[in-house]
Amino acid sequence: MNKLHFADEEYYLTSEYLLKLAQNAGKLFKSSEIHEKRLLLNLTLQNLELKGRKVLFDWKKPFDKIALYAPRQAWLRREDSNLQPRT
């Protein structure tokens, strides 16, 4: 039972880490040294290609799902089903 709790906790910590990384990716990238930027790119992207002035790439898992769902409202909290009228 202890191992199950530890695995569950580790899963949520990893998920939280990935979401925070994705949320702060722009700031993190801009403030990083060149070798750190390469590490971030290698961690998140694959099949990098430069066509003229356009960069083409594919997201690595799980960043592909984060990039796909980030602009959607599915990430937003839902309203409570027991809403009370305002008084």
C-alpha atoms as a PDB file:
ATOM      1  CA  MET A   1       0.000   0.000   0.000  1.00  0.00           C
ATOM      2  CA  ASN A   2       2.903   2.324   0.777  1.00  0.00           C
ATOM      3  CA  LYS A   3       4.392   1.779  -2.685  1.00  0.00           C
ATOM      4  CA  LEU A   4       1.054   2.613  -4.298  1.00  0.00           C
ATOM      5  CA  HIS A   5       0.781   5.860  -2.335  1.00  0.00           C
ATOM      6  CA  PHE A   6       4.371   6.777  -3.258  1.00  0.00           C
ATOM      7  CA  ALA A   7       3.744   6.070  -6.978  1.00  0.00           C
ATOM      8  CA  ASP A   8       0.553   8.133  -6.870  1.00  0.00           C
ATOM      9  CA  GLU A   9       2.332  11.033  -5.180  1.00  0.00           C
ATOM     10  CA  GLU A  10       5.243  10.831  -7.634  1.00  0.00           C
ATOM     11  CA  TYR A  11       2.792  10.945 -10.563  1.00  0.00           C
ATOM     12  CA  TYR A  12       1.196  14.155  -9.284  1.00  0.00           C
ATOM     13  CA  LEU A  13       4.552  15.761  -8.549  1.00  0.00           C
ATOM     14  CA  THR A  14       5.752  14.943 -12.066  1.00  0.00           C
ATOM     15  CA  SER A  15       2.530  16.274 -13.580  1.00  0.00           C
ATOM     16  CA  GLU A  16       2.789  19.449 -11.525  1.00  0.00           C
ATOM     17  CA  TYR A  17       6.432  19.890 -12.590  1.00  0.00           C
ATOM     18  CA  LEU A  18       5.541  19.495 -16.280  1.00  0.00           C
ATOM     19  CA  LEU A  19       2.673  21.960 -16.084  1.00  0.00           C
ATOM     20  CA  LYS A  20       4.808  24.543 -14.287  1.00  0.00           C
ATOM     21  CA  LEU A  21       7.565  24.051 -16.846  1.00  0.00           C
ATOM     22  CA  ALA A  22       5.090  24.567 -19.681  1.00  0.00           C
ATOM     23  CA  GLN A  23       3.579  27.618 -17.990  1.00  0.00           C
ATOM     24  CA  ASN A  24       6.964  29.290 -17.519  1.00  0.00           C
ATOM     25  CA  ALA A  25       8.651  27.999 -20.668  1.00  0.00           C
ATOM     26  CA  GLY A  26       8.977  31.386 -22.390  1.00  0.00           C
ATOM     27  CA  LYS A  27      10.519  33.145 -19.395  1.00  0.00           C
ATOM     28  CA  LEU A  28      12.711  30.159 -18.619  1.00  0.00           C
ATOM     29  CA  PHE A  29      13.961  29.963 -22.186  1.00  0.00           C
ATOM     30  CA  LYS A  30      14.742  33.680 -22.485  1.00  0.00           C
ATOM     31  CA  SER A  31      16.686  33.763 -19.231  1.00  0.00           C
ATOM     32  CA  SER A  32      18.677  30.585 -19.949  1.00  0.00           C
ATOM     33  CA  GLU A  33      22.221  30.125 -21.183  1.00  0.00           C
ATOM     34  CA  ILE A  34      22.710  28.644 -24.668  1.00  0.00           C
ATOM     35  CA  HIS A  35      23.465  25.123 -23.394  1.00  0.00           C
ATOM     36  CA  GLU A  36      20.334  25.273 -21.198  1.00  0.00           C
ATOM     37  CA  LYS A  37      18.260  26.390 -24.190  1.00  0.00           C
ATOM     38  CA  ARG A  38      19.505  23.362 -26.106  1.00  0.00           C
ATOM     39  CA  LEU A  39      18.507  21.106 -23.212  1.00  0.00           C
ATOM     40  CA  LEU A  40      15.009  22.619 -23.128  1.00  0.00           C
ATOM     41  CA  LEU A  41      14.616  22.218 -26.885  1.00  0.00           C
ATOM     42  CA  ASN A  42      15.838  18.616 -26.729  1.00  0.00           C
ATOM     43  CA  LEU A  43      13.466  17.896 -23.843  1.00  0.00           C
ATOM     44  CA  THR A  44      10.363  19.236 -25.597  1.00  0.00           C
ATOM     45  CA  LEU A  45      10.876  19.129 -29.388  1.00  0.00           C
ATOM     46  CA  GLN A  46      11.878  16.651 -32.063  1.00  0.00           C
ATOM     47  CA  ASN A  47      12.359  16.710 -35.847  1.00  0.00           C
ATOM     48  CA  LEU A  48      13.555  20.315 -35.848  1.00  0.00           C
ATOM     49  CA  GLU A  49      13.844  21.715 -39.370  1.00  0.00           C
ATOM     50  CA  LEU A  50      14.491  25.196 -40.736  1.00  0.00           C
ATOM     51  CA  LYS A  51      12.709  26.087 -43.985  1.00  0.00           C
ATOM     52  CA  GLY A  52      13.698  29.593 -44.948  1.00  0.00           C
ATOM     53  CA  ARG A  53      12.762  31.686 -41.914  1.00  0.00           C
ATOM     54  CA  LYS A  54      10.248  29.153 -40.596  1.00  0.00           C
ATOM     55  CA  VAL A  55      11.064  26.568 -37.922  1.00  0.00           C
ATOM     56  CA  LEU A  56       9.210  23.260 -38.177  1.00  0.00           C
ATOM     57  CA  PHE A  57       9.062  20.775 -35.295  1.00  0.00           C
ATOM     58  CA  ASP A  58       7.071  18.066 -33.579  1.00  0.00           C
ATOM     59  CA  TRP A  59       6.382  18.032 -29.837  1.00  0.00           C
ATOM     60  CA  LYS A  60       7.712  15.162 -27.751  1.00  0.00           C
ATOM     61  CA  LYS A  61       5.357  13.393 -25.372  1.00  0.00           C
ATOM     62  CA  PRO A  62       3.828  14.591 -23.019  1.00  0.00           C
ATOM     63  CA  PHE A  63       4.387  18.125 -24.308  1.00  0.00           C
ATOM     64  CA  ASP A  64       2.335  17.328 -27.412  1.00  0.00           C
ATOM     65  CA  LYS A  65      -0.780  16.964 -25.251  1.00  0.00           C
ATOM     66  CA  ILE A  66      -0.025  20.093 -23.266  1.00  0.00           C
ATOM     67  CA  ALA A  67       0.418  22.111 -26.474  1.00  0.00           C
ATOM     68  CA  LEU A  68      -2.755  20.637 -27.950  1.00  0.00           C
ATOM     69  CA  TYR A  69      -4.987  21.349 -24.956  1.00  0.00           C
ATOM     70  CA  ALA A  70      -3.401  24.569 -23.647  1.00  0.00           C
ATOM     71  CA  PRO A  71      -5.568  26.964 -25.676  1.00  0.00           C
ATOM     72  CA  ARG A  72      -8.791  25.097 -24.841  1.00  0.00           C
ATOM     73  CA  GLN A  73     -11.139  25.960 -22.040  1.00  0.00           C
ATOM     74  CA  ALA A  74     -11.116  22.332 -20.893  1.00  0.00           C
ATOM     75  CA  TRP A  75      -8.279  23.307 -18.532  1.00  0.00           C
ATOM     76  CA  LEU A  76     -10.450  25.870 -16.761  1.00  0.00           C
ATOM     77  CA  ARG A  77     -12.191  25.065 -13.504  1.00  0.00           C
ATOM     78  CA  ARG A  78     -15.832  24.166 -13.838  1.00  0.00           C
ATOM     79  CA  GLU A  79     -18.636  25.978 -12.113  1.00  0.00           C
ATOM     80  CA  ASP A  80     -19.988  24.356  -9.008  1.00  0.00           C
ATOM     81  CA  SER A  81     -23.089  22.282  -9.708  1.00  0.00           C
ATOM     82  CA  ASN A  82     -24.688  23.597  -6.508  1.00  0.00           C
ATOM     83  CA  LEU A  83     -24.646  27.286  -7.322  1.00  0.00           C
ATOM     84  CA  GLN A  84     -26.618  29.416  -4.894  1.00  0.00           C
ATOM     85  CA  PRO A  85     -28.438  32.538  -6.038  1.00  0.00           C
ATOM     86  CA  ARG A  86     -26.720  35.750  -5.006  1.00  0.00           C
ATOM     87  CA  THR A  87     -28.478  37.672  -2.290  1.00  0.00           C
END
